[in-house]
Amino acid sequence: QKYALIGANGSGKSTLLKILAGTLQA
């Protein structure tokens, strides 16, 4: 499936992607 993360700047989109990618630790 294809998912789009939307929301204002600072809403957590990039943080979620980084954690999913393994480049950032939760």
mmCIF file of all heavy atoms, coordinates in Angstrom:
data_MODEL
# 
_entry.id   MODEL 
# 
loop_
_atom_site.group_PDB 
_atom_site.id 
_atom_site.type_symbol 
_atom_site.label_atom_id 
_atom_site.label_alt_id 
_atom_site.label_comp_id 
_atom_site.label_asym_id 
_atom_site.label_entity_id 
_atom_site.label_seq_id 
_atom_site.pdbx_PDB_ins_code 
_atom_site.Cartn_x 
_atom_site.Cartn_y 
_atom_site.Cartn_z 
_atom_site.occupancy 
_atom_site.B_iso_or_equiv 
_atom_site.pdbx_formal_charge 
_atom_site.auth_seq_id 
_atom_site.auth_comp_id 
_atom_site.auth_asym_id 
_atom_site.auth_atom_id 
_atom_site.pdbx_PDB_model_num 
ATOM 1   N N   . GLN A 1 1  ? 0.836  -1.201 0.000  1.00 0.00 ? 1  GLN A N   1 
ATOM 2   C CA  . GLN A 1 1  ? 0.000  0.000  0.000  1.00 0.00 ? 1  GLN A CA  1 
ATOM 3   C C   . GLN A 1 1  ? 0.873  1.255  0.000  1.00 0.00 ? 1  GLN A C   1 
ATOM 4   O O   . GLN A 1 1  ? 2.049  1.232  0.369  1.00 0.00 ? 1  GLN A O   1 
ATOM 5   C CB  . GLN A 1 1  ? -0.922 0.006  1.215  1.00 0.00 ? 1  GLN A CB  1 
ATOM 6   C CG  . GLN A 1 1  ? -1.946 -1.124 1.206  1.00 0.00 ? 1  GLN A CG  1 
ATOM 7   C CD  . GLN A 1 1  ? -2.938 -0.979 0.064  1.00 0.00 ? 1  GLN A CD  1 
ATOM 8   O OE1 . GLN A 1 1  ? -3.689 -0.005 -0.015 1.00 0.00 ? 1  GLN A OE1 1 
ATOM 9   N NE2 . GLN A 1 1  ? -2.920 -1.949 -0.848 1.00 0.00 ? 1  GLN A NE2 1 
ATOM 10  N N   . LYS A 1 2  ? 0.251  2.373  -0.384 1.00 0.00 ? 2  LYS A N   1 
ATOM 11  C CA  . LYS A 1 2  ? 0.964  3.647  -0.472 1.00 0.00 ? 2  LYS A CA  1 
ATOM 12  C C   . LYS A 1 2  ? 0.360  4.635  0.531  1.00 0.00 ? 2  LYS A C   1 
ATOM 13  O O   . LYS A 1 2  ? -0.846 4.893  0.494  1.00 0.00 ? 2  LYS A O   1 
ATOM 14  C CB  . LYS A 1 2  ? 0.890  4.192  -1.901 1.00 0.00 ? 2  LYS A CB  1 
ATOM 15  C CG  . LYS A 1 2  ? 1.496  3.248  -2.934 1.00 0.00 ? 2  LYS A CG  1 
ATOM 16  C CD  . LYS A 1 2  ? 1.448  3.813  -4.346 1.00 0.00 ? 2  LYS A CD  1 
ATOM 17  C CE  . LYS A 1 2  ? 0.034  3.888  -4.903 1.00 0.00 ? 2  LYS A CE  1 
ATOM 18  N NZ  . LYS A 1 2  ? -0.553 2.551  -5.118 1.00 0.00 ? 2  LYS A NZ  1 
ATOM 19  N N   . TYR A 1 3  ? 1.220  5.195  1.385  1.00 0.00 ? 3  TYR A N   1 
ATOM 20  C CA  . TYR A 1 3  ? 0.789  6.080  2.463  1.00 0.00 ? 3  TYR A CA  1 
ATOM 21  C C   . TYR A 1 3  ? 1.453  7.442  2.326  1.00 0.00 ? 3  TYR A C   1 
ATOM 22  O O   . TYR A 1 3  ? 2.671  7.537  2.150  1.00 0.00 ? 3  TYR A O   1 
ATOM 23  C CB  . TYR A 1 3  ? 1.149  5.489  3.819  1.00 0.00 ? 3  TYR A CB  1 
ATOM 24  C CG  . TYR A 1 3  ? 0.493  4.167  4.119  1.00 0.00 ? 3  TYR A CG  1 
ATOM 25  C CD1 . TYR A 1 3  ? 1.077  2.972  3.683  1.00 0.00 ? 3  TYR A CD1 1 
ATOM 26  C CD2 . TYR A 1 3  ? -0.704 4.094  4.824  1.00 0.00 ? 3  TYR A CD2 1 
ATOM 27  C CE1 . TYR A 1 3  ? 0.486  1.748  3.947  1.00 0.00 ? 3  TYR A CE1 1 
ATOM 28  C CE2 . TYR A 1 3  ? -1.309 2.873  5.097  1.00 0.00 ? 3  TYR A CE2 1 
ATOM 29  C CZ  . TYR A 1 3  ? -0.708 1.704  4.659  1.00 0.00 ? 3  TYR A CZ  1 
ATOM 30  O OH  . TYR A 1 3  ? -1.296 0.485  4.916  1.00 0.00 ? 3  TYR A OH  1 
ATOM 31  N N   . ALA A 1 4  ? 0.657  8.506  2.458  1.00 0.00 ? 4  ALA A N   1 
ATOM 32  C CA  . ALA A 1 4  ? 1.188  9.865  2.462  1.00 0.00 ? 4  ALA A CA  1 
ATOM 33  C C   . ALA A 1 4  ? 1.080  10.437 3.865  1.00 0.00 ? 4  ALA A C   1 
ATOM 34  O O   . ALA A 1 4  ? 0.001  10.411 4.474  1.00 0.00 ? 4  ALA A O   1 
ATOM 35  C CB  . ALA A 1 4  ? 0.425  10.748 1.484  1.00 0.00 ? 4  ALA A CB  1 
ATOM 36  N N   . LEU A 1 5  ? 2.190  10.937 4.388  1.00 0.00 ? 5  LEU A N   1 
ATOM 37  C CA  . LEU A 1 5  ? 2.206  11.640 5.669  1.00 0.00 ? 5  LEU A CA  1 
ATOM 38  C C   . LEU A 1 5  ? 2.031  13.124 5.393  1.00 0.00 ? 5  LEU A C   1 
ATOM 39  O O   . LEU A 1 5  ? 2.824  13.721 4.652  1.00 0.00 ? 5  LEU A O   1 
ATOM 40  C CB  . LEU A 1 5  ? 3.531  11.404 6.391  1.00 0.00 ? 5  LEU A CB  1 
ATOM 41  C CG  . LEU A 1 5  ? 3.945  9.955  6.638  1.00 0.00 ? 5  LEU A CG  1 
ATOM 42  C CD1 . LEU A 1 5  ? 5.336  9.914  7.290  1.00 0.00 ? 5  LEU A CD1 1 
ATOM 43  C CD2 . LEU A 1 5  ? 2.932  9.237  7.498  1.00 0.00 ? 5  LEU A CD2 1 
ATOM 44  N N   . ILE A 1 6  ? 0.989  13.706 5.950  1.00 0.00 ? 6  ILE A N   1 
ATOM 45  C CA  . ILE A 1 6  ? 0.735  15.130 5.741  1.00 0.00 ? 6  ILE A CA  1 
ATOM 46  C C   . ILE A 1 6  ? 0.650  15.820 7.096  1.00 0.00 ? 6  ILE A C   1 
ATOM 47  O O   . ILE A 1 6  ? 0.445  15.184 8.122  1.00 0.00 ? 6  ILE A O   1 
ATOM 48  C CB  . ILE A 1 6  ? -0.548 15.369 4.918  1.00 0.00 ? 6  ILE A CB  1 
ATOM 49  C CG1 . ILE A 1 6  ? -1.767 14.761 5.630  1.00 0.00 ? 6  ILE A CG1 1 
ATOM 50  C CG2 . ILE A 1 6  ? -0.409 14.794 3.515  1.00 0.00 ? 6  ILE A CG2 1 
ATOM 51  C CD1 . ILE A 1 6  ? -3.095 15.070 4.940  1.00 0.00 ? 6  ILE A CD1 1 
ATOM 52  N N   . GLY A 1 7  ? 0.801  17.138 7.079  1.00 0.00 ? 7  GLY A N   1 
ATOM 53  C CA  . GLY A 1 7  ? 0.773  17.909 8.316  1.00 0.00 ? 7  GLY A CA  1 
ATOM 54  C C   . GLY A 1 7  ? 1.716  19.082 8.219  1.00 0.00 ? 7  GLY A C   1 
ATOM 55  O O   . GLY A 1 7  ? 2.550  19.175 7.317  1.00 0.00 ? 7  GLY A O   1 
ATOM 56  N N   . ALA A 1 8  ? 1.582  19.998 9.161  1.00 0.00 ? 8  ALA A N   1 
ATOM 57  C CA  . ALA A 1 8  ? 2.394  21.215 9.163  1.00 0.00 ? 8  ALA A CA  1 
ATOM 58  C C   . ALA A 1 8  ? 3.850  20.905 9.467  1.00 0.00 ? 8  ALA A C   1 
ATOM 59  O O   . ALA A 1 8  ? 4.205  19.803 9.907  1.00 0.00 ? 8  ALA A O   1 
ATOM 60  C CB  . ALA A 1 8  ? 1.842  22.192 10.205 1.00 0.00 ? 8  ALA A CB  1 
ATOM 61  N N   . ASN A 1 9  ? 4.708  21.882 9.241  1.00 0.00 ? 9  ASN A N   1 
ATOM 62  C CA  . ASN A 1 9  ? 6.111  21.745 9.651  1.00 0.00 ? 9  ASN A CA  1 
ATOM 63  C C   . ASN A 1 9  ? 6.175  21.454 11.147 1.00 0.00 ? 9  ASN A C   1 
ATOM 64  O O   . ASN A 1 9  ? 5.471  22.087 11.944 1.00 0.00 ? 9  ASN A O   1 
ATOM 65  C CB  . ASN A 1 9  ? 6.884  23.029 9.358  1.00 0.00 ? 9  ASN A CB  1 
ATOM 66  C CG  . ASN A 1 9  ? 7.111  23.250 7.884  1.00 0.00 ? 9  ASN A CG  1 
ATOM 67  O OD1 . ASN A 1 9  ? 7.128  22.301 7.103  1.00 0.00 ? 9  ASN A OD1 1 
ATOM 68  N ND2 . ASN A 1 9  ? 7.271  24.501 7.480  1.00 0.00 ? 9  ASN A ND2 1 
ATOM 69  N N   . GLY A 1 10 ? 7.014  20.499 11.528 1.00 0.00 ? 10 GLY A N   1 
ATOM 70  C CA  . GLY A 1 10 ? 7.141  20.151 12.930 1.00 0.00 ? 10 GLY A CA  1 
ATOM 71  C C   . GLY A 1 10 ? 6.092  19.189 13.441 1.00 0.00 ? 10 GLY A C   1 
ATOM 72  O O   . GLY A 1 10 ? 6.019  18.933 14.650 1.00 0.00 ? 10 GLY A O   1 
ATOM 73  N N   . SER A 1 11 ? 5.308  18.628 12.533 1.00 0.00 ? 11 SER A N   1 
ATOM 74  C CA  . SER A 1 11 ? 4.240  17.711 12.956 1.00 0.00 ? 11 SER A CA  1 
ATOM 75  C C   . SER A 1 11 ? 4.744  16.299 13.218 1.00 0.00 ? 11 SER A C   1 
ATOM 76  O O   . SER A 1 11 ? 3.999  15.472 13.747 1.00 0.00 ? 11 SER A O   1 
ATOM 77  C CB  . SER A 1 11 ? 3.118  17.682 11.910 1.00 0.00 ? 11 SER A CB  1 
ATOM 78  O OG  . SER A 1 11 ? 3.602  17.213 10.662 1.00 0.00 ? 11 SER A OG  1 
ATOM 79  N N   . GLY A 1 12 ? 5.976  16.005 12.827 1.00 0.00 ? 12 GLY A N   1 
ATOM 80  C CA  . GLY A 1 12 ? 6.553  14.695 13.101 1.00 0.00 ? 12 GLY A CA  1 
ATOM 81  C C   . GLY A 1 12 ? 6.755  13.809 11.892 1.00 0.00 ? 12 GLY A C   1 
ATOM 82  O O   . GLY A 1 12 ? 7.180  12.653 12.032 1.00 0.00 ? 12 GLY A O   1 
ATOM 83  N N   . LYS A 1 13 ? 6.485  14.316 10.705 1.00 0.00 ? 13 LYS A N   1 
ATOM 84  C CA  . LYS A 1 13 ? 6.584  13.496 9.488  1.00 0.00 ? 13 LYS A CA  1 
ATOM 85  C C   . LYS A 1 13 ? 8.010  12.984 9.268  1.00 0.00 ? 13 LYS A C   1 
ATOM 86  O O   . LYS A 1 13 ? 8.222  11.779 9.091  1.00 0.00 ? 13 LYS A O   1 
ATOM 87  C CB  . LYS A 1 13 ? 6.121  14.315 8.261  1.00 0.00 ? 13 LYS A CB  1 
ATOM 88  C CG  . LYS A 1 13 ? 4.719  14.863 8.348  1.00 0.00 ? 13 LYS A CG  1 
ATOM 89  C CD  . LYS A 1 13 ? 4.290  15.537 7.058  1.00 0.00 ? 13 LYS A CD  1 
ATOM 90  C CE  . LYS A 1 13 ? 5.170  16.684 6.624  1.00 0.00 ? 13 LYS A CE  1 
ATOM 91  N NZ  . LYS A 1 13 ? 5.161  17.831 7.591  1.00 0.00 ? 13 LYS A NZ  1 
ATOM 92  N N   . SER A 1 14 ? 8.965  13.893 9.264  1.00 0.00 ? 14 SER A N   1 
ATOM 93  C CA  . SER A 1 14 ? 10.361 13.496 9.018  1.00 0.00 ? 14 SER A CA  1 
ATOM 94  C C   . SER A 1 14 ? 10.893 12.617 10.133 1.00 0.00 ? 14 SER A C   1 
ATOM 95  O O   . SER A 1 14 ? 11.650 11.663 9.889  1.00 0.00 ? 14 SER A O   1 
ATOM 96  C CB  . SER A 1 14 ? 11.247 14.732 8.863  1.00 0.00 ? 14 SER A CB  1 
ATOM 97  O OG  . SER A 1 14 ? 10.896 15.471 7.704  1.00 0.00 ? 14 SER A OG  1 
ATOM 98  N N   . THR A 1 15 ? 10.510 12.924 11.362 1.00 0.00 ? 15 THR A N   1 
ATOM 99  C CA  . THR A 1 15 ? 10.962 12.116 12.498 1.00 0.00 ? 15 THR A CA  1 
ATOM 100 C C   . THR A 1 15 ? 10.472 10.682 12.371 1.00 0.00 ? 15 THR A C   1 
ATOM 101 O O   . THR A 1 15 ? 11.233 9.728  12.587 1.00 0.00 ? 15 THR A O   1 
ATOM 102 C CB  . THR A 1 15 ? 10.456 12.725 13.817 1.00 0.00 ? 15 THR A CB  1 
ATOM 103 O OG1 . THR A 1 15 ? 10.983 14.053 13.961 1.00 0.00 ? 15 THR A OG1 1 
ATOM 104 C CG2 . THR A 1 15 ? 10.894 11.883 15.013 1.00 0.00 ? 15 THR A CG2 1 
ATOM 105 N N   . LEU A 1 16 ? 9.213  10.513 12.007 1.00 0.00 ? 16 LEU A N   1 
ATOM 106 C CA  . LEU A 1 16 ? 8.675  9.167  11.831 1.00 0.00 ? 16 LEU A CA  1 
ATOM 107 C C   . LEU A 1 16 ? 9.413  8.426  10.727 1.00 0.00 ? 16 LEU A C   1 
ATOM 108 O O   . LEU A 1 16 ? 9.775  7.243  10.896 1.00 0.00 ? 16 LEU A O   1 
ATOM 109 C CB  . LEU A 1 16 ? 7.181  9.235  11.515 1.00 0.00 ? 16 LEU A CB  1 
ATOM 110 C CG  . LEU A 1 16 ? 6.489  7.893  11.236 1.00 0.00 ? 16 LEU A CG  1 
ATOM 111 C CD1 . LEU A 1 16 ? 6.673  6.920  12.388 1.00 0.00 ? 16 LEU A CD1 1 
ATOM 112 C CD2 . LEU A 1 16 ? 5.003  8.111  10.936 1.00 0.00 ? 16 LEU A CD2 1 
ATOM 113 N N   . LEU A 1 17 ? 9.675  9.082  9.608  1.00 0.00 ? 17 LEU A N   1 
ATOM 114 C CA  . LEU A 1 17 ? 10.379 8.428  8.502  1.00 0.00 ? 17 LEU A CA  1 
ATOM 115 C C   . LEU A 1 17 ? 11.809 8.036  8.913  1.00 0.00 ? 17 LEU A C   1 
ATOM 116 O O   . LEU A 1 17 ? 12.277 6.948  8.578  1.00 0.00 ? 17 LEU A O   1 
ATOM 117 C CB  . LEU A 1 17 ? 10.416 9.350  7.283  1.00 0.00 ? 17 LEU A CB  1 
ATOM 118 C CG  . LEU A 1 17 ? 9.103  9.493  6.513  1.00 0.00 ? 17 LEU A CG  1 
ATOM 119 C CD1 . LEU A 1 17 ? 9.225  10.578 5.446  1.00 0.00 ? 17 LEU A CD1 1 
ATOM 120 C CD2 . LEU A 1 17 ? 8.698  8.177  5.869  1.00 0.00 ? 17 LEU A CD2 1 
ATOM 121 N N   . LYS A 1 18 ? 12.490 8.916  9.629  1.00 0.00 ? 18 LYS A N   1 
ATOM 122 C CA  . LYS A 1 18 ? 13.855 8.610  10.065 1.00 0.00 ? 18 LYS A CA  1 
ATOM 123 C C   . LYS A 1 18 ? 13.886 7.406  10.997 1.00 0.00 ? 18 LYS A C   1 
ATOM 124 O O   . LYS A 1 18 ? 14.771 6.559  10.898 1.00 0.00 ? 18 LYS A O   1 
ATOM 125 C CB  . LYS A 1 18 ? 14.463 9.822  10.763 1.00 0.00 ? 18 LYS A CB  1 
ATOM 126 C CG  . LYS A 1 18 ? 14.799 10.975 9.841  1.00 0.00 ? 18 LYS A CG  1 
ATOM 127 C CD  . LYS A 1 18 ? 15.305 12.180 10.632 1.00 0.00 ? 18 LYS A CD  1 
ATOM 128 C CE  . LYS A 1 18 ? 15.590 13.355 9.723  1.00 0.00 ? 18 LYS A CE  1 
ATOM 129 N NZ  . LYS A 1 18 ? 16.031 14.553 10.494 1.00 0.00 ? 18 LYS A NZ  1 
ATOM 130 N N   . ILE A 1 19 ? 12.902 7.330  11.896 1.00 0.00 ? 19 ILE A N   1 
ATOM 131 C CA  . ILE A 1 19 ? 12.859 6.199  12.819 1.00 0.00 ? 19 ILE A CA  1 
ATOM 132 C C   . ILE A 1 19 ? 12.541 4.913  12.063 1.00 0.00 ? 19 ILE A C   1 
ATOM 133 O O   . ILE A 1 19 ? 13.155 3.869  12.298 1.00 0.00 ? 19 ILE A O   1 
ATOM 134 C CB  . ILE A 1 19 ? 11.818 6.457  13.933 1.00 0.00 ? 19 ILE A CB  1 
ATOM 135 C CG1 . ILE A 1 19 ? 12.295 7.595  14.837 1.00 0.00 ? 19 ILE A CG1 1 
ATOM 136 C CG2 . ILE A 1 19 ? 11.584 5.196  14.754 1.00 0.00 ? 19 ILE A CG2 1 
ATOM 137 C CD1 . ILE A 1 19 ? 11.287 8.029  15.877 1.00 0.00 ? 19 ILE A CD1 1 
ATOM 138 N N   . LEU A 1 20 ? 11.606 4.972  11.122 1.00 0.00 ? 20 LEU A N   1 
ATOM 139 C CA  . LEU A 1 20 ? 11.293 3.795  10.313 1.00 0.00 ? 20 LEU A CA  1 
ATOM 140 C C   . LEU A 1 20 ? 12.501 3.354  9.490  1.00 0.00 ? 20 LEU A C   1 
ATOM 141 O O   . LEU A 1 20 ? 12.723 2.154  9.288  1.00 0.00 ? 20 LEU A O   1 
ATOM 142 C CB  . LEU A 1 20 ? 10.106 4.087  9.392  1.00 0.00 ? 20 LEU A CB  1 
ATOM 143 C CG  . LEU A 1 20 ? 8.733  4.248  10.051 1.00 0.00 ? 20 LEU A CG  1 
ATOM 144 C CD1 . LEU A 1 20 ? 7.710  4.710  9.028  1.00 0.00 ? 20 LEU A CD1 1 
ATOM 145 C CD2 . LEU A 1 20 ? 8.275  2.940  10.701 1.00 0.00 ? 20 LEU A CD2 1 
ATOM 146 N N   . ALA A 1 21 ? 13.288 4.329  9.018  1.00 0.00 ? 21 ALA A N   1 
ATOM 147 C CA  . ALA A 1 21 ? 14.461 4.017  8.191  1.00 0.00 ? 21 ALA A CA  1 
ATOM 148 C C   . ALA A 1 21 ? 15.641 3.531  9.019  1.00 0.00 ? 21 ALA A C   1 
ATOM 149 O O   . ALA A 1 21 ? 16.593 2.970  8.473  1.00 0.00 ? 21 ALA A O   1 
ATOM 150 C CB  . ALA A 1 21 ? 14.869 5.245  7.384  1.00 0.00 ? 21 ALA A CB  1 
ATOM 151 N N   . GLY A 1 22 ? 15.593 3.764  10.321 1.00 0.00 ? 22 GLY A N   1 
ATOM 152 C CA  . GLY A 1 22 ? 16.693 3.340  11.171 1.00 0.00 ? 22 GLY A CA  1 
ATOM 153 C C   . GLY A 1 22 ? 17.807 4.348  11.307 1.00 0.00 ? 22 GLY A C   1 
ATOM 154 O O   . GLY A 1 22 ? 18.866 4.035  11.872 1.00 0.00 ? 22 GLY A O   1 
ATOM 155 N N   . THR A 1 23 ? 17.612 5.573  10.831 1.00 0.00 ? 23 THR A N   1 
ATOM 156 C CA  . THR A 1 23 ? 18.645 6.596  10.955 1.00 0.00 ? 23 THR A CA  1 
ATOM 157 C C   . THR A 1 23 ? 18.481 7.423  12.222 1.00 0.00 ? 23 THR A C   1 
ATOM 158 O O   . THR A 1 23 ? 19.327 8.258  12.527 1.00 0.00 ? 23 THR A O   1 
ATOM 159 C CB  . THR A 1 23 ? 18.633 7.541  9.736  1.00 0.00 ? 23 THR A CB  1 
ATOM 160 O OG1 . THR A 1 23 ? 17.390 8.258  9.703  1.00 0.00 ? 23 THR A OG1 1 
ATOM 161 C CG2 . THR A 1 23 ? 18.799 6.762  8.445  1.00 0.00 ? 23 THR A CG2 1 
ATOM 162 N N   . LEU A 1 24 ? 17.380 7.196  12.949 1.00 0.00 ? 24 LEU A N   1 
ATOM 163 C CA  . LEU A 1 24 ? 17.115 7.891  14.201 1.00 0.00 ? 24 LEU A CA  1 
ATOM 164 C C   . LEU A 1 24 ? 16.517 6.883  15.177 1.00 0.00 ? 24 LEU A C   1 
ATOM 165 O O   . LEU A 1 24 ? 15.658 6.080  14.799 1.00 0.00 ? 24 LEU A O   1 
ATOM 166 C CB  . LEU A 1 24 ? 16.144 9.057  13.968 1.00 0.00 ? 24 LEU A CB  1 
ATOM 167 C CG  . LEU A 1 24 ? 15.775 9.913  15.179 1.00 0.00 ? 24 LEU A CG  1 
ATOM 168 C CD1 . LEU A 1 24 ? 16.994 10.707 15.670 1.00 0.00 ? 24 LEU A CD1 1 
ATOM 169 C CD2 . LEU A 1 24 ? 14.644 10.874 14.824 1.00 0.00 ? 24 LEU A CD2 1 
ATOM 170 N N   . GLN A 1 25 ? 16.969 6.946  16.410 1.00 0.00 ? 25 GLN A N   1 
ATOM 171 C CA  . GLN A 1 25 ? 16.493 6.022  17.434 1.00 0.00 ? 25 GLN A CA  1 
ATOM 172 C C   . GLN A 1 25 ? 15.328 6.638  18.200 1.00 0.00 ? 25 GLN A C   1 
ATOM 173 O O   . GLN A 1 25 ? 15.411 7.770  18.656 1.00 0.00 ? 25 GLN A O   1 
ATOM 174 C CB  . GLN A 1 25 ? 17.627 5.685  18.406 1.00 0.00 ? 25 GLN A CB  1 
ATOM 175 C CG  . GLN A 1 25 ? 17.276 4.643  19.442 1.00 0.00 ? 25 GLN A CG  1 
ATOM 176 C CD  . GLN A 1 25 ? 17.149 3.253  18.841 1.00 0.00 ? 25 GLN A CD  1 
ATOM 177 O OE1 . GLN A 1 25 ? 17.910 2.879  17.955 1.00 0.00 ? 25 GLN A OE1 1 
ATOM 178 N NE2 . GLN A 1 25 ? 16.199 2.489  19.334 1.00 0.00 ? 25 GLN A NE2 1 
ATOM 179 N N   . ALA A 1 26 ? 14.242 5.894  18.338 1.00 0.00 ? 26 ALA A N   1 
ATOM 180 C CA  . ALA A 1 26 ? 13.117 6.348  19.158 1.00 0.00 ? 26 ALA A CA  1 
ATOM 181 C C   . ALA A 1 26 ? 13.489 6.273  20.634 1.00 0.00 ? 26 ALA A C   1 
ATOM 182 O O   . ALA A 1 26 ? 14.345 5.476  21.038 1.00 0.00 ? 26 ALA A O   1 
ATOM 183 C CB  . ALA A 1 26 ? 11.887 5.494  18.883 1.00 0.00 ? 26 ALA A CB  1 
# 
